[in-house]
Protein backbone atom coordinates (compact mmCIF):
# COMPACT_ATOMS: atom_id res chain seq x y z
CA MET A 1 16.93 2.21 -40.02
CA LYS A 2 19.04 4.04 -37.44
CA ARG A 3 16.15 6.36 -36.56
CA SER A 4 13.72 3.48 -35.95
CA MET A 5 16.28 1.65 -33.81
CA PHE A 6 16.85 4.84 -31.82
CA LEU A 7 13.08 5.21 -31.26
CA ILE A 8 12.77 1.58 -30.12
CA ILE A 9 15.60 2.03 -27.63
CA LEU A 10 14.16 5.34 -26.42
CA VAL A 11 10.72 3.79 -25.88
CA PHE A 12 12.31 0.88 -23.99
CA ILE A 13 14.20 3.27 -21.71
CA VAL A 14 11.12 5.41 -21.01
CA VAL A 15 8.90 2.38 -20.32
CA SER A 16 11.54 0.77 -18.11
CA ALA A 17 12.14 3.94 -16.13
CA SER A 18 8.47 4.71 -15.64
CA SER A 19 7.58 1.18 -14.52
CA GLN A 20 10.26 0.98 -11.85
CA PRO A 21 9.39 2.23 -8.35
CA LEU A 22 11.73 4.74 -6.82
CA ASN A 23 12.35 3.24 -3.37
CA LYS A 24 13.60 6.70 -2.41
CA ILE A 25 15.12 6.89 1.07
CA SER A 26 15.33 10.23 2.84
CA LYS A 27 15.24 11.34 6.47
CA ASP A 28 12.06 11.85 8.46
CA ARG A 29 11.59 14.87 10.71
CA ASN A 30 13.40 13.02 13.51
CA GLY A 31 16.41 12.23 11.32
CA ASN A 32 15.51 8.54 10.83
CA PRO A 33 15.52 6.85 7.41
CA MET A 34 12.16 7.12 5.65
CA LEU A 35 10.89 5.75 2.35
CA GLU A 36 9.07 8.22 0.10
CA GLY A 37 7.00 7.82 -3.05
CA CYS A 38 6.16 4.65 -4.92
CA CYS A 39 8.03 1.71 -3.51
CA THR A 40 8.24 -2.03 -3.69
CA ARG A 41 7.67 -4.57 -0.97
CA GLU A 42 11.36 -5.41 -1.29
CA ALA A 43 12.19 -1.94 0.05
CA LEU A 44 10.37 -2.87 3.27
CA LEU A 45 12.51 -6.00 3.53
CA GLN A 46 15.71 -3.93 3.68
CA GLU A 47 17.08 -2.47 6.89
CA PRO A 48 16.11 -0.45 8.78
CA PHE A 49 12.53 -1.16 7.66
CA ALA A 50 12.90 -4.95 7.91
CA SER A 51 13.45 -4.56 11.66
CA TRP A 52 9.72 -3.89 12.09
CA PHE A 53 8.24 -5.37 8.90
CA VAL A 54 9.59 -8.92 9.25
CA PRO A 55 8.69 -9.54 12.94
CA ASN A 56 5.21 -8.02 12.51
CA TYR A 57 4.64 -10.16 9.41
CA ASN A 58 5.96 -13.34 11.04
CA THR A 59 4.09 -13.06 14.33
CA TYR A 60 0.68 -12.20 12.87
CA LYS A 61 -1.81 -15.07 13.08
CA ILE A 62 -4.24 -15.01 10.18
CA ASP A 63 -7.91 -15.71 10.78
CA SER A 64 -7.85 -18.35 8.05
CA ALA A 65 -11.59 -19.09 8.30
CA THR A 66 -12.32 -15.51 7.26
CA ALA A 67 -9.31 -15.07 4.97
CA VAL A 68 -10.30 -18.05 2.82
CA GLN A 69 -13.58 -16.24 2.11
CA LEU A 70 -11.60 -13.30 0.68
CA LYS A 71 -10.04 -15.32 -2.14
CA PRO A 72 -13.00 -15.19 -4.59
CA TYR A 73 -13.11 -11.38 -4.35
CA ILE A 74 -9.38 -10.73 -4.93
CA ALA A 75 -8.95 -11.41 -8.66
CA ASN A 76 -10.29 -8.18 -10.15
CA LYS A 77 -9.17 -5.79 -7.41
CA THR A 78 -6.25 -3.41 -7.14
CA PHE A 79 -4.94 -2.19 -3.80
CA VAL A 80 -3.27 1.18 -3.28
CA LEU A 81 -1.62 1.32 0.12
CA PHE A 82 -0.52 4.67 1.56
CA LEU A 83 1.79 4.39 4.55
CA GLY A 84 4.54 6.07 6.46
CA THR A 85 7.63 4.12 7.47
CA TRP A 86 7.74 6.55 10.43
CA CYS A 87 4.17 5.70 11.53
CA GLY A 88 3.45 3.20 14.30
CA ASP A 89 0.07 2.21 12.82
CA SER A 90 1.70 1.57 9.43
CA LYS A 91 4.45 -0.49 11.03
CA ARG A 92 1.81 -2.63 12.76
CA GLU A 93 -0.86 -3.00 10.06
CA VAL A 94 1.07 -3.09 6.75
CA PRO A 95 3.00 -6.31 7.49
CA ARG A 96 -0.27 -7.91 8.64
CA LEU A 97 -2.03 -6.82 5.45
CA TYR A 98 0.80 -8.30 3.41
CA LYS A 99 0.52 -11.59 5.27
CA ILE A 100 -3.20 -11.71 4.43
CA PHE A 101 -2.49 -10.73 0.81
CA ASP A 102 0.09 -13.53 0.56
CA TYR A 103 -2.34 -16.04 2.07
CA CYS A 104 -5.05 -14.99 -0.40
CA GLY A 105 -2.77 -15.05 -3.45
CA VAL A 106 -2.83 -11.32 -4.21
CA GLN A 107 -0.29 -10.75 -6.98
CA PRO A 108 2.44 -8.10 -6.56
CA GLU A 109 1.14 -6.17 -9.58
CA GLN A 110 -2.22 -5.77 -7.79
CA ILE A 111 -0.59 -3.74 -5.01
CA LYS A 112 0.74 -0.21 -5.30
CA LEU A 113 2.72 1.06 -2.29
CA VAL A 114 2.93 4.80 -1.75
CA MET A 115 5.14 6.09 1.05
CA VAL A 116 4.26 9.47 2.52
CA SER A 117 6.37 11.98 4.42
CA ASN A 118 6.04 13.22 7.99
CA HIS A 119 7.71 16.58 7.34
CA ASP A 120 5.60 19.61 8.22
CA THR A 121 5.83 20.98 4.67
CA ALA A 122 4.87 17.64 3.04
CA TYR A 123 2.88 15.89 5.77
CA LYS A 124 1.25 12.71 4.43
CA GLN A 125 2.33 13.58 0.90
CA SER A 126 4.47 11.64 -1.53
CA PRO A 127 7.03 13.38 -3.74
CA THR A 128 4.88 12.85 -6.86
CA HIS A 129 1.57 13.43 -5.03
CA GLU A 130 -0.24 10.14 -5.59
CA GLU A 131 -2.32 11.11 -2.53
CA GLN A 132 -3.70 14.22 -4.23
CA GLY A 133 -7.49 14.14 -4.46
CA LYS A 134 -7.73 10.92 -2.46
CA ASN A 135 -8.41 12.37 1.01
CA ILE A 136 -5.47 10.65 2.70
CA LEU A 137 -5.64 12.01 6.25
CA ARG A 138 -4.32 9.02 8.22
CA VAL A 139 -1.97 6.17 7.46
CA PRO A 140 -2.05 3.44 6.68
CA THR A 141 -4.89 3.92 4.22
CA LEU A 142 -5.69 1.06 1.86
CA LEU A 143 -7.77 1.95 -1.17
CA VAL A 144 -9.58 -0.98 -2.79
CA LEU A 145 -10.15 -0.38 -6.49
CA GLU A 146 -12.23 -2.23 -9.03
CA ASN A 147 -11.93 -1.22 -12.69
CA GLY A 148 -9.95 1.82 -11.55
CA SER A 149 -12.66 3.12 -9.19
CA GLU A 150 -12.46 3.08 -5.41
CA ILE A 151 -15.02 0.74 -3.87
CA ASN A 152 -13.91 1.23 -0.26
CA ARG A 153 -10.98 1.94 2.02
CA PHE A 154 -9.38 0.82 5.25
CA VAL A 155 -8.05 3.66 7.42
CA GLU A 156 -5.43 3.32 10.16
CA TYR A 157 -6.81 0.35 12.12
CA PRO A 158 -9.49 -2.33 11.71
CA VAL A 159 -13.03 -1.94 12.97
CA GLU A 160 -13.45 -5.71 13.64
CA SER A 161 -10.29 -7.39 12.35
CA LEU A 162 -8.22 -6.97 9.22
CA GLU A 163 -9.68 -10.10 7.66
CA LYS A 164 -13.29 -9.25 8.53
CA ASP A 165 -12.90 -5.62 7.45
CA LEU A 166 -11.41 -6.73 4.12
CA LEU A 167 -14.21 -9.26 3.63
CA HIS A 168 -16.85 -6.58 4.23
CA MET A 169 -15.07 -4.19 1.85
CA LEU A 170 -14.46 -6.68 -0.95
CA SER A 171 -17.92 -8.25 -0.75
CA ARG A 172 -19.49 -4.77 -0.59
CA LYS A 173 -21.32 -5.49 2.65
CA GLY A 174 -21.58 -1.92 3.89
CA TYR A 175 -18.15 -1.55 5.48
CA LYS A 176 -17.30 1.81 7.07
CA HIS A 177 -13.79 2.50 8.32
CA ALA A 178 -13.23 3.81 11.84
CA TYR A 179 -13.31 7.48 10.75
CA ASP A 180 -16.30 7.27 8.37
CA LYS A 181 -19.04 9.33 10.01
CA SER A 182 -21.54 9.07 7.14
CA LYS A 183 -24.82 7.28 7.73
C-alpha cells in the first residue's frame, strides 16, 4: 500500500513539474532582463516585459474582416512561437499575434511560447533547445502545426498583414514568409 501511494505521488510530482513552463528570467547580452525557454503568456504580462507587450497588444487594430475567416481553421492547429524578449520585431509582432489569437478563440494550450537567447554562445537558442532542427534563424518565428507536423511558418514580419498571412498559412493557400526563397 505504501509503495503504490509513493508511486502515485511521484508520478503526480513528475507530471506537474514537466507540465509547468519555466518562465526563467536571466540577463541578455546588454544586461537587461530576458526570458528564456518555455514560458507562459503571463510571463509577458509581468514587468519589465509588460511595458512593451501591453501597449502593443492594446493599440493593435485587428483586421476583423480577415480575422473572422481564420476561425474555422484554428481548431486543429497548434502554434509554436519562438521569440526574444530582447528583439524589436518580437516586441512588435508577438502582442499583435496574441490579439489575433484572442479574437479568434485560440486556446492557451494551443500555443507554446519558446524564448530564445541573444548571447553569442547561445544565439537564438533556448536552454532546452526546442529550436533544434527547426531552422530558427530569425525571431519571431511562428510554426503552425497540424497533427504534430509543420504546415507553414511566419518569420519576423508579415508579407501582407498578420491576419492575411495567417489566413494564407492556415488555409494552405501557398503562403511564403518573407525569407522563403523557394519557388
